[in-house]
Amino acid sequence: MTSLPNLEAAGAVLRPLTLDDADALFAAHGDERTHHYWSGPAHRDVAQTRQYIADTIDMKGAHVWAITEDGGEALGRIALFVEREGVGEIGIIMRPEATGRGLASKALNLVIEYGFKQLDLHRIGADIDPDNNASISLFLRAGFQREGLLRGNWKTHLGVRDSIIMGKLRDA
């Protein structure tokens, strides 16, 4: 994977995610409520979070950042996955104590700008559980549109789940 730049906005710094972020991000990945709509159950220990981070960083087309206030401790993580030319998908998770401060919105907007300007994407999407109102609201505020519902799209720790597909197109 190529080296990722830091991305900055007032009050938020995204820096490349590293394995050293596992301890801090276990607060998100190990929390049952935060991880409820994730594709699997909450992590059992920091080692599982560390392996998850390693697997994510190693994915082809993955651009993954730690969400911080000042470049320090990870308060969340955001990833932009580019699986085919011109199209990316974003995933984001925040530690419970870091929610409600606007960091997720700032991070999302920074990654959208990076995807459209630096990677020349024409579309960025998100696949969100229909019951995850916080994520749906976050993406709507960032200018994403609901594009459809995929019924029975995921089999997770919650059972078979639908997906709301959301998308944002680069301005022409």
N, C-alpha and C. Protein backbone atom coordinates (compact mmCIF):
# COMPACT_ATOMS: atom_id res chain seq x y z
N MET A 1 0.83 -1.18 0.00
CA MET A 1 0.00 0.00 0.00
C MET A 1 0.88 1.24 0.00
N THR A 2 0.46 2.26 -0.74
CA THR A 2 1.22 3.49 -0.78
C THR A 2 1.01 4.27 0.51
N SER A 3 1.94 5.16 0.77
CA SER A 3 1.87 5.97 1.99
C SER A 3 0.71 6.96 1.89
N LEU A 4 -0.09 7.01 2.93
CA LEU A 4 -1.23 7.92 2.97
C LEU A 4 -0.82 9.25 3.59
N PRO A 5 -1.39 10.34 3.10
CA PRO A 5 -1.13 11.63 3.74
C PRO A 5 -2.00 11.81 4.97
N ASN A 6 -1.57 12.70 5.85
CA ASN A 6 -2.47 13.18 6.90
C ASN A 6 -3.50 14.08 6.23
N LEU A 7 -4.72 14.04 6.71
CA LEU A 7 -5.78 14.92 6.24
C LEU A 7 -6.24 15.74 7.43
N GLU A 8 -6.41 17.05 7.24
CA GLU A 8 -6.71 17.91 8.38
C GLU A 8 -7.86 18.87 8.09
N ALA A 9 -8.67 19.08 9.11
CA ALA A 9 -9.71 20.11 9.14
C ALA A 9 -9.69 20.66 10.56
N ALA A 10 -10.30 21.80 10.76
CA ALA A 10 -10.32 22.40 12.09
C ALA A 10 -10.83 21.39 13.12
N GLY A 11 -9.98 21.03 14.07
CA GLY A 11 -10.37 20.13 15.15
C GLY A 11 -10.29 18.65 14.83
N ALA A 12 -9.79 18.29 13.65
CA ALA A 12 -9.67 16.87 13.30
C ALA A 12 -8.44 16.65 12.43
N VAL A 13 -7.71 15.60 12.77
CA VAL A 13 -6.56 15.18 11.98
C VAL A 13 -6.72 13.69 11.71
N LEU A 14 -6.69 13.32 10.43
CA LEU A 14 -6.66 11.91 10.06
C LEU A 14 -5.22 11.57 9.73
N ARG A 15 -4.73 10.51 10.35
CA ARG A 15 -3.37 10.04 10.06
C ARG A 15 -3.47 8.57 9.71
N PRO A 16 -2.49 8.04 8.98
CA PRO A 16 -2.57 6.63 8.61
C PRO A 16 -2.74 5.73 9.84
N LEU A 17 -3.65 4.79 9.75
CA LEU A 17 -3.90 3.84 10.82
C LEU A 17 -2.73 2.87 10.92
N THR A 18 -2.34 2.53 12.15
CA THR A 18 -1.26 1.56 12.37
C THR A 18 -1.72 0.51 13.39
N LEU A 19 -0.94 -0.55 13.50
CA LEU A 19 -1.24 -1.58 14.49
C LEU A 19 -1.18 -1.04 15.92
N ASP A 20 -0.41 0.02 16.11
CA ASP A 20 -0.31 0.65 17.43
C ASP A 20 -1.63 1.26 17.88
N ASP A 21 -2.59 1.41 16.97
CA ASP A 21 -3.90 1.97 17.32
C ASP A 21 -4.85 0.93 17.90
N ALA A 22 -4.44 -0.32 17.96
CA ALA A 22 -5.34 -1.39 18.41
C ALA A 22 -5.85 -1.17 19.84
N ASP A 23 -4.99 -0.77 20.75
CA ASP A 23 -5.42 -0.56 22.14
C ASP A 23 -6.52 0.50 22.20
N ALA A 24 -6.31 1.63 21.52
CA ALA A 24 -7.29 2.71 21.55
C ALA A 24 -8.59 2.31 20.85
N LEU A 25 -8.49 1.61 19.71
CA LEU A 25 -9.69 1.27 18.95
C LEU A 25 -10.45 0.07 19.50
N PHE A 26 -9.83 -0.66 20.42
CA PHE A 26 -10.59 -1.73 21.09
C PHE A 26 -11.78 -1.14 21.84
N ALA A 27 -11.67 0.12 22.25
CA ALA A 27 -12.80 0.78 22.92
C ALA A 27 -14.02 0.86 22.01
N ALA A 28 -13.81 0.89 20.70
CA ALA A 28 -14.92 0.87 19.74
C ALA A 28 -15.26 -0.56 19.34
N HIS A 29 -14.26 -1.30 18.90
CA HIS A 29 -14.50 -2.65 18.39
C HIS A 29 -14.88 -3.64 19.48
N GLY A 30 -14.52 -3.35 20.72
CA GLY A 30 -14.86 -4.24 21.82
C GLY A 30 -16.16 -3.88 22.52
N ASP A 31 -16.78 -2.79 22.11
CA ASP A 31 -18.00 -2.31 22.75
C ASP A 31 -19.22 -2.88 22.02
N GLU A 32 -20.06 -3.61 22.75
CA GLU A 32 -21.23 -4.27 22.15
C GLU A 32 -22.15 -3.27 21.44
N ARG A 33 -22.41 -2.16 22.06
CA ARG A 33 -23.34 -1.18 21.47
C ARG A 33 -22.75 -0.54 20.22
N THR A 34 -21.49 -0.12 20.29
CA THR A 34 -20.83 0.51 19.15
C THR A 34 -20.71 -0.46 17.98
N HIS A 35 -20.44 -1.71 18.27
CA HIS A 35 -20.19 -2.72 17.25
C HIS A 35 -21.47 -3.44 16.81
N HIS A 36 -22.60 -3.03 17.34
CA HIS A 36 -23.86 -3.73 17.10
C HIS A 36 -24.16 -3.92 15.62
N TYR A 37 -23.99 -2.88 14.80
CA TYR A 37 -24.33 -2.96 13.37
C TYR A 37 -23.15 -3.31 12.49
N TRP A 38 -22.05 -3.69 13.09
CA TRP A 38 -20.87 -4.11 12.34
C TRP A 38 -21.14 -5.49 11.74
N SER A 39 -20.27 -5.96 10.88
CA SER A 39 -20.49 -7.25 10.21
C SER A 39 -20.26 -8.45 11.12
N GLY A 40 -19.70 -8.23 12.29
CA GLY A 40 -19.46 -9.31 13.25
C GLY A 40 -19.63 -8.80 14.66
N PRO A 41 -19.61 -9.69 15.64
CA PRO A 41 -19.80 -9.27 17.04
C PRO A 41 -18.62 -8.45 17.55
N ALA A 42 -18.83 -7.83 18.69
CA ALA A 42 -17.75 -7.06 19.32
C ALA A 42 -16.53 -7.95 19.53
N HIS A 43 -15.37 -7.34 19.41
CA HIS A 43 -14.12 -8.08 19.59
C HIS A 43 -13.96 -8.51 21.04
N ARG A 44 -13.34 -9.67 21.23
CA ARG A 44 -13.13 -10.24 22.56
C ARG A 44 -11.96 -9.61 23.29
N ASP A 45 -10.94 -9.20 22.53
CA ASP A 45 -9.72 -8.66 23.14
C ASP A 45 -8.97 -7.78 22.14
N VAL A 46 -7.94 -7.10 22.63
CA VAL A 46 -7.14 -6.19 21.81
C VAL A 46 -6.45 -6.95 20.68
N ALA A 47 -6.06 -8.20 20.92
CA ALA A 47 -5.41 -8.99 19.87
C ALA A 47 -6.32 -9.14 18.66
N GLN A 48 -7.61 -9.34 18.89
CA GLN A 48 -8.55 -9.46 17.77
C GLN A 48 -8.66 -8.13 17.02
N THR A 49 -8.68 -7.04 17.75
CA THR A 49 -8.72 -5.72 17.10
C THR A 49 -7.44 -5.48 16.31
N ARG A 50 -6.30 -5.86 16.86
CA ARG A 50 -5.02 -5.70 16.16
C ARG A 50 -5.03 -6.50 14.86
N GLN A 51 -5.53 -7.73 14.89
CA GLN A 51 -5.58 -8.55 13.68
C GLN A 51 -6.56 -7.95 12.66
N TYR A 52 -7.68 -7.43 13.15
CA TYR A 52 -8.66 -6.79 12.26
C TYR A 52 -8.02 -5.59 11.56
N ILE A 53 -7.28 -4.78 12.32
CA ILE A 53 -6.59 -3.62 11.73
C ILE A 53 -5.58 -4.09 10.69
N ALA A 54 -4.79 -5.11 11.02
CA ALA A 54 -3.80 -5.63 10.07
C ALA A 54 -4.47 -6.11 8.78
N ASP A 55 -5.56 -6.84 8.93
CA ASP A 55 -6.27 -7.35 7.75
C ASP A 55 -6.84 -6.21 6.91
N THR A 56 -7.34 -5.17 7.57
CA THR A 56 -7.91 -4.03 6.85
C THR A 56 -6.83 -3.26 6.11
N ILE A 57 -5.73 -2.98 6.78
CA ILE A 57 -4.62 -2.25 6.15
C ILE A 57 -4.09 -3.01 4.94
N ASP A 58 -4.06 -4.35 5.03
CA ASP A 58 -3.52 -5.17 3.96
C ASP A 58 -4.46 -5.38 2.77
N MET A 59 -5.72 -4.97 2.92
CA MET A 59 -6.67 -5.16 1.83
C MET A 59 -6.26 -4.34 0.61
N LYS A 60 -6.36 -4.95 -0.56
CA LYS A 60 -6.07 -4.24 -1.79
C LYS A 60 -7.06 -3.08 -1.93
N GLY A 61 -6.55 -1.90 -2.24
CA GLY A 61 -7.40 -0.74 -2.45
C GLY A 61 -7.86 -0.04 -1.18
N ALA A 62 -7.34 -0.43 -0.01
CA ALA A 62 -7.76 0.17 1.26
C ALA A 62 -6.93 1.40 1.58
N HIS A 63 -7.61 2.48 1.92
CA HIS A 63 -7.00 3.71 2.40
C HIS A 63 -7.61 3.91 3.79
N VAL A 64 -6.78 3.74 4.84
CA VAL A 64 -7.33 3.67 6.19
C VAL A 64 -6.62 4.66 7.12
N TRP A 65 -7.42 5.47 7.80
CA TRP A 65 -6.89 6.49 8.70
C TRP A 65 -7.42 6.31 10.11
N ALA A 66 -6.62 6.76 11.07
CA ALA A 66 -7.09 6.94 12.45
C ALA A 66 -7.69 8.35 12.52
N ILE A 67 -8.83 8.45 13.19
CA ILE A 67 -9.48 9.75 13.40
C ILE A 67 -8.98 10.28 14.75
N THR A 68 -8.36 11.44 14.71
CA THR A 68 -7.81 12.05 15.93
C THR A 68 -8.22 13.53 15.99
N GLU A 69 -7.98 14.14 17.13
CA GLU A 69 -8.18 15.58 17.22
C GLU A 69 -6.92 16.34 16.84
N ASP A 70 -5.76 15.72 17.09
CA ASP A 70 -4.50 16.43 16.91
C ASP A 70 -3.38 15.58 16.34
N GLY A 71 -3.70 14.44 15.76
CA GLY A 71 -2.68 13.53 15.24
C GLY A 71 -2.23 12.50 16.25
N GLY A 72 -2.78 12.54 17.46
CA GLY A 72 -2.39 11.62 18.53
C GLY A 72 -3.25 10.38 18.57
N GLU A 73 -3.83 10.13 19.73
CA GLU A 73 -4.58 8.90 19.97
C GLU A 73 -5.79 8.75 19.04
N ALA A 74 -5.99 7.53 18.55
CA ALA A 74 -7.12 7.23 17.67
C ALA A 74 -8.43 7.26 18.45
N LEU A 75 -9.35 8.10 17.99
CA LEU A 75 -10.68 8.17 18.58
C LEU A 75 -11.69 7.42 17.71
N GLY A 76 -11.24 7.00 16.57
CA GLY A 76 -12.04 6.23 15.63
C GLY A 76 -11.18 5.88 14.44
N ARG A 77 -11.81 5.26 13.45
CA ARG A 77 -11.09 4.97 12.22
C ARG A 77 -12.05 5.08 11.05
N ILE A 78 -11.51 5.49 9.91
CA ILE A 78 -12.29 5.62 8.69
C ILE A 78 -11.50 5.00 7.56
N ALA A 79 -12.20 4.28 6.70
CA ALA A 79 -11.55 3.61 5.58
C ALA A 79 -12.30 3.91 4.30
N LEU A 80 -11.53 4.08 3.24
CA LEU A 80 -12.07 4.23 1.90
C LEU A 80 -11.52 3.05 1.11
N PHE A 81 -12.42 2.19 0.67
CA PHE A 81 -12.03 1.00 -0.08
C PHE A 81 -12.33 1.24 -1.56
N VAL A 82 -11.29 1.14 -2.39
CA VAL A 82 -11.46 1.31 -3.83
C VAL A 82 -11.29 -0.07 -4.46
N GLU A 83 -12.43 -0.67 -4.79
CA GLU A 83 -12.41 -2.04 -5.31
C GLU A 83 -12.45 -2.10 -6.83
N ARG A 84 -12.86 -0.99 -7.47
CA ARG A 84 -12.81 -0.91 -8.93
C ARG A 84 -12.61 0.54 -9.32
N GLU A 85 -12.17 0.75 -10.53
CA GLU A 85 -11.80 2.08 -10.99
C GLU A 85 -12.95 3.08 -10.83
N GLY A 86 -12.64 4.17 -10.16
CA GLY A 86 -13.57 5.27 -10.03
C GLY A 86 -14.60 5.16 -8.93
N VAL A 87 -14.65 4.03 -8.22
CA VAL A 87 -15.69 3.79 -7.22
C VAL A 87 -15.08 3.38 -5.89
N GLY A 88 -15.49 4.04 -4.82
CA GLY A 88 -15.01 3.71 -3.49
C GLY A 88 -16.18 3.52 -2.54
N GLU A 89 -15.88 2.90 -1.40
CA GLU A 89 -16.87 2.70 -0.35
C GLU A 89 -16.24 3.06 0.99
N ILE A 90 -16.99 3.78 1.81
CA ILE A 90 -16.47 4.25 3.10
C ILE A 90 -17.07 3.44 4.25
N GLY A 91 -16.23 3.13 5.24
CA GLY A 91 -16.65 2.55 6.51
C GLY A 91 -16.03 3.36 7.62
N ILE A 92 -16.77 3.55 8.70
CA ILE A 92 -16.29 4.39 9.80
C ILE A 92 -16.79 3.81 11.12
N ILE A 93 -15.96 3.95 12.17
CA ILE A 93 -16.36 3.58 13.52
C ILE A 93 -15.68 4.54 14.49
N MET A 94 -16.41 4.92 15.54
CA MET A 94 -15.89 5.85 16.55
C MET A 94 -15.95 5.21 17.92
N ARG A 95 -15.01 5.57 18.78
CA ARG A 95 -15.09 5.17 20.18
C ARG A 95 -16.31 5.85 20.81
N PRO A 96 -17.00 5.18 21.72
CA PRO A 96 -18.23 5.76 22.29
C PRO A 96 -18.03 7.15 22.87
N GLU A 97 -16.94 7.39 23.56
CA GLU A 97 -16.73 8.69 24.21
C GLU A 97 -16.36 9.79 23.22
N ALA A 98 -16.10 9.43 21.96
CA ALA A 98 -15.71 10.42 20.94
C ALA A 98 -16.88 10.83 20.05
N THR A 99 -18.05 10.24 20.27
CA THR A 99 -19.20 10.59 19.44
C THR A 99 -19.82 11.91 19.91
N GLY A 100 -20.54 12.55 19.00
CA GLY A 100 -21.24 13.78 19.34
C GLY A 100 -20.38 15.02 19.34
N ARG A 101 -19.15 14.92 18.85
CA ARG A 101 -18.23 16.07 18.83
C ARG A 101 -17.93 16.56 17.42
N GLY A 102 -18.57 15.95 16.43
CA GLY A 102 -18.37 16.37 15.05
C GLY A 102 -17.18 15.75 14.36
N LEU A 103 -16.45 14.89 15.06
CA LEU A 103 -15.25 14.28 14.46
C LEU A 103 -15.59 13.36 13.29
N ALA A 104 -16.64 12.59 13.42
CA ALA A 104 -17.02 11.68 12.33
C ALA A 104 -17.41 12.47 11.09
N SER A 105 -18.15 13.55 11.26
CA SER A 105 -18.54 14.38 10.12
C SER A 105 -17.31 14.99 9.44
N LYS A 106 -16.40 15.51 10.24
CA LYS A 106 -15.17 16.10 9.68
C LYS A 106 -14.36 15.04 8.95
N ALA A 107 -14.22 13.87 9.56
CA ALA A 107 -13.45 12.79 8.94
C ALA A 107 -14.09 12.36 7.63
N LEU A 108 -15.41 12.19 7.64
CA LEU A 108 -16.12 11.77 6.43
C LEU A 108 -15.91 12.79 5.32
N ASN A 109 -16.05 14.07 5.61
CA ASN A 109 -15.86 15.09 4.58
C ASN A 109 -14.43 15.13 4.05
N LEU A 110 -13.45 14.93 4.92
CA LEU A 110 -12.05 14.89 4.47
C LEU A 110 -11.80 13.72 3.52
N VAL A 111 -12.36 12.55 3.86
CA VAL A 111 -12.14 11.36 3.04
C VAL A 111 -12.89 11.47 1.71
N ILE A 112 -14.08 12.06 1.73
CA ILE A 112 -14.80 12.29 0.48
C ILE A 112 -13.97 13.18 -0.45
N GLU A 113 -13.46 14.27 0.09
CA GLU A 113 -12.64 15.19 -0.72
C GLU A 113 -11.40 14.47 -1.25
N TYR A 114 -10.74 13.69 -0.41
CA TYR A 114 -9.56 12.93 -0.83
C TYR A 114 -9.93 11.96 -1.97
N GLY A 115 -11.03 11.26 -1.80
CA GLY A 115 -11.44 10.29 -2.82
C GLY A 115 -11.73 10.93 -4.16
N PHE A 116 -12.45 12.04 -4.13
CA PHE A 116 -12.81 12.70 -5.39
C PHE A 116 -11.63 13.43 -6.02
N LYS A 117 -10.82 14.12 -5.21
CA LYS A 117 -9.74 14.93 -5.76
C LYS A 117 -8.44 14.16 -5.97
N GLN A 118 -8.02 13.40 -4.97
CA GLN A 118 -6.73 12.72 -5.07
C GLN A 118 -6.81 11.39 -5.82
N LEU A 119 -7.90 10.67 -5.62
CA LEU A 119 -8.03 9.35 -6.26
C LEU A 119 -8.87 9.39 -7.53
N ASP A 120 -9.42 10.56 -7.83
CA ASP A 120 -10.23 10.77 -9.03
C ASP A 120 -11.43 9.82 -9.10
N LEU A 121 -12.03 9.55 -7.94
CA LEU A 121 -13.23 8.73 -7.92
C LEU A 121 -14.40 9.54 -8.47
N HIS A 122 -15.36 8.86 -9.06
CA HIS A 122 -16.57 9.55 -9.50
C HIS A 122 -17.77 9.19 -8.61
N ARG A 123 -17.61 8.14 -7.78
CA ARG A 123 -18.68 7.71 -6.90
C ARG A 123 -18.09 7.18 -5.60
N ILE A 124 -18.71 7.55 -4.49
CA ILE A 124 -18.36 6.98 -3.19
C ILE A 124 -19.66 6.48 -2.57
N GLY A 125 -19.64 5.26 -2.08
CA GLY A 125 -20.84 4.66 -1.51
C GLY A 125 -20.64 4.24 -0.07
N ALA A 126 -21.75 3.81 0.52
CA ALA A 126 -21.75 3.26 1.88
C ALA A 126 -22.84 2.21 1.94
N ASP A 127 -22.59 1.16 2.69
CA ASP A 127 -23.52 0.04 2.90
C ASP A 127 -23.85 0.06 4.39
N ILE A 128 -25.09 0.42 4.73
CA ILE A 128 -25.44 0.68 6.14
C ILE A 128 -26.64 -0.16 6.55
N ASP A 129 -26.58 -0.72 7.75
CA ASP A 129 -27.72 -1.45 8.30
C ASP A 129 -28.90 -0.48 8.43
N PRO A 130 -30.10 -0.88 8.01
CA PRO A 130 -31.26 0.00 8.06
C PRO A 130 -31.62 0.51 9.45
N ASP A 131 -31.20 -0.18 10.50
CA ASP A 131 -31.49 0.26 11.86
C ASP A 131 -30.42 1.18 12.45
N ASN A 132 -29.35 1.42 11.70
CA ASN A 132 -28.25 2.25 12.19
C ASN A 132 -28.52 3.72 11.85
N ASN A 133 -29.44 4.30 12.60
CA ASN A 133 -29.88 5.67 12.32
C ASN A 133 -28.76 6.69 12.42
N ALA A 134 -27.82 6.50 13.33
CA ALA A 134 -26.71 7.45 13.47
C ALA A 134 -25.87 7.49 12.20
N SER A 135 -25.55 6.33 11.64
CA SER A 135 -24.75 6.31 10.41
C SER A 135 -25.52 6.84 9.22
N ILE A 136 -26.77 6.48 9.12
CA ILE A 136 -27.59 6.99 8.02
C ILE A 136 -27.62 8.51 8.07
N SER A 137 -27.85 9.08 9.25
CA SER A 137 -27.88 10.52 9.42
C SER A 137 -26.54 11.17 9.07
N LEU A 138 -25.44 10.56 9.51
CA LEU A 138 -24.10 11.06 9.22
C LEU A 138 -23.89 11.18 7.71
N PHE A 139 -24.22 10.12 6.98
CA PHE A 139 -23.99 10.12 5.53
C PHE A 139 -24.96 11.06 4.82
N LEU A 140 -26.19 11.16 5.27
CA LEU A 140 -27.13 12.11 4.67
C LEU A 140 -26.62 13.55 4.84
N ARG A 141 -26.11 13.88 6.03
CA ARG A 141 -25.58 15.22 6.27
C ARG A 141 -24.38 15.52 5.37
N ALA A 142 -23.66 14.48 4.96
CA ALA A 142 -22.49 14.66 4.08
C ALA A 142 -22.88 14.69 2.60
N GLY A 143 -24.18 14.67 2.32
CA GLY A 143 -24.63 14.79 0.94
C GLY A 143 -24.87 13.48 0.20
N PHE A 144 -24.82 12.37 0.93
CA PHE A 144 -25.13 11.07 0.30
C PHE A 144 -26.64 10.95 0.12
N GLN A 145 -27.03 10.16 -0.85
CA GLN A 145 -28.44 9.89 -1.09
C GLN A 145 -28.70 8.41 -0.89
N ARG A 146 -29.90 8.11 -0.38
CA ARG A 146 -30.32 6.71 -0.32
C ARG A 146 -30.59 6.25 -1.74
N GLU A 147 -29.99 5.14 -2.11
CA GLU A 147 -30.15 4.65 -3.48
C GLU A 147 -30.95 3.37 -3.56
N GLY A 148 -31.00 2.66 -2.47
CA GLY A 148 -31.76 1.42 -2.52
C GLY A 148 -31.61 0.59 -1.27
N LEU A 149 -32.38 -0.48 -1.24
CA LEU A 149 -32.35 -1.44 -0.15
C LEU A 149 -32.03 -2.82 -0.74
N LEU A 150 -31.00 -3.43 -0.21
CA LEU A 150 -30.68 -4.81 -0.60
C LEU A 150 -31.19 -5.72 0.51
N ARG A 151 -32.21 -6.49 0.21
CA ARG A 151 -32.80 -7.37 1.22
C ARG A 151 -31.92 -8.58 1.44
N GLY A 152 -31.76 -8.95 2.71
CA GLY A 152 -30.99 -10.15 3.07
C GLY A 152 -29.56 -10.11 2.57
N ASN A 153 -28.93 -8.95 2.61
CA ASN A 153 -27.61 -8.77 2.02
C ASN A 153 -26.46 -9.28 2.88
N TRP A 154 -26.62 -9.34 4.18
CA TRP A 154 -25.55 -9.76 5.09
C TRP A 154 -26.06 -10.80 6.07
N LYS A 155 -25.20 -11.75 6.39
CA LYS A 155 -25.45 -12.66 7.49
C LYS A 155 -24.44 -12.29 8.57
N THR A 156 -24.94 -11.75 9.67
CA THR A 156 -24.07 -11.25 10.74
C THR A 156 -24.43 -11.92 12.05
N HIS A 157 -23.80 -11.47 13.12
CA HIS A 157 -24.10 -11.94 14.47
C HIS A 157 -25.54 -11.62 14.85
N LEU A 158 -26.20 -10.70 14.13
CA LEU A 158 -27.60 -10.35 14.39
C LEU A 158 -28.56 -11.21 13.57
N GLY A 159 -28.02 -12.00 12.65
CA GLY A 159 -28.83 -12.79 11.73
C GLY A 159 -28.72 -12.22 10.32
N VAL A 160 -29.66 -12.55 9.47
CA VAL A 160 -29.66 -12.03 8.10
C VAL A 160 -30.17 -10.59 8.14
N ARG A 161 -29.39 -9.68 7.55
CA ARG A 161 -29.68 -8.25 7.62
C ARG A 161 -29.77 -7.63 6.23
N ASP A 162 -30.60 -6.61 6.12
CA ASP A 162 -30.69 -5.82 4.90
C ASP A 162 -29.59 -4.77 4.90
N SER A 163 -29.40 -4.14 3.75
CA SER A 163 -28.45 -3.03 3.61
C SER A 163 -29.14 -1.86 2.95
N ILE A 164 -28.94 -0.68 3.50
CA ILE A 164 -29.28 0.54 2.77
C ILE A 164 -28.02 0.96 2.02
N ILE A 165 -28.17 1.14 0.72
CA ILE A 165 -27.06 1.58 -0.11
C ILE A 165 -27.20 3.08 -0.29
N MET A 166 -26.12 3.77 0.06
CA MET A 166 -26.08 5.22 -0.07
C MET A 166 -24.93 5.59 -0.98
N GLY A 167 -25.08 6.68 -1.71
CA GLY A 167 -24.03 7.08 -2.61
C GLY A 167 -23.95 8.58 -2.78
N LYS A 168 -22.75 9.00 -3.16
CA LYS A 168 -22.49 10.40 -3.47
C LYS A 168 -21.66 10.42 -4.74
N LEU A 169 -22.06 11.25 -5.69
CA LEU A 169 -21.34 11.39 -6.94
C LEU A 169 -20.51 12.67 -6.92
N ARG A 170 -19.37 12.61 -7.58
CA ARG A 170 -18.54 13.81 -7.69
C ARG A 170 -19.29 14.83 -8.52
N ASP A 171 -19.21 16.08 -8.10
CA ASP A 171 -19.84 17.15 -8.87
C ASP A 171 -19.19 17.22 -10.24
N ALA A 172 -20.00 17.38 -11.26
CA ALA A 172 -19.48 17.45 -12.63
C ALA A 172 -18.87 18.79 -12.92
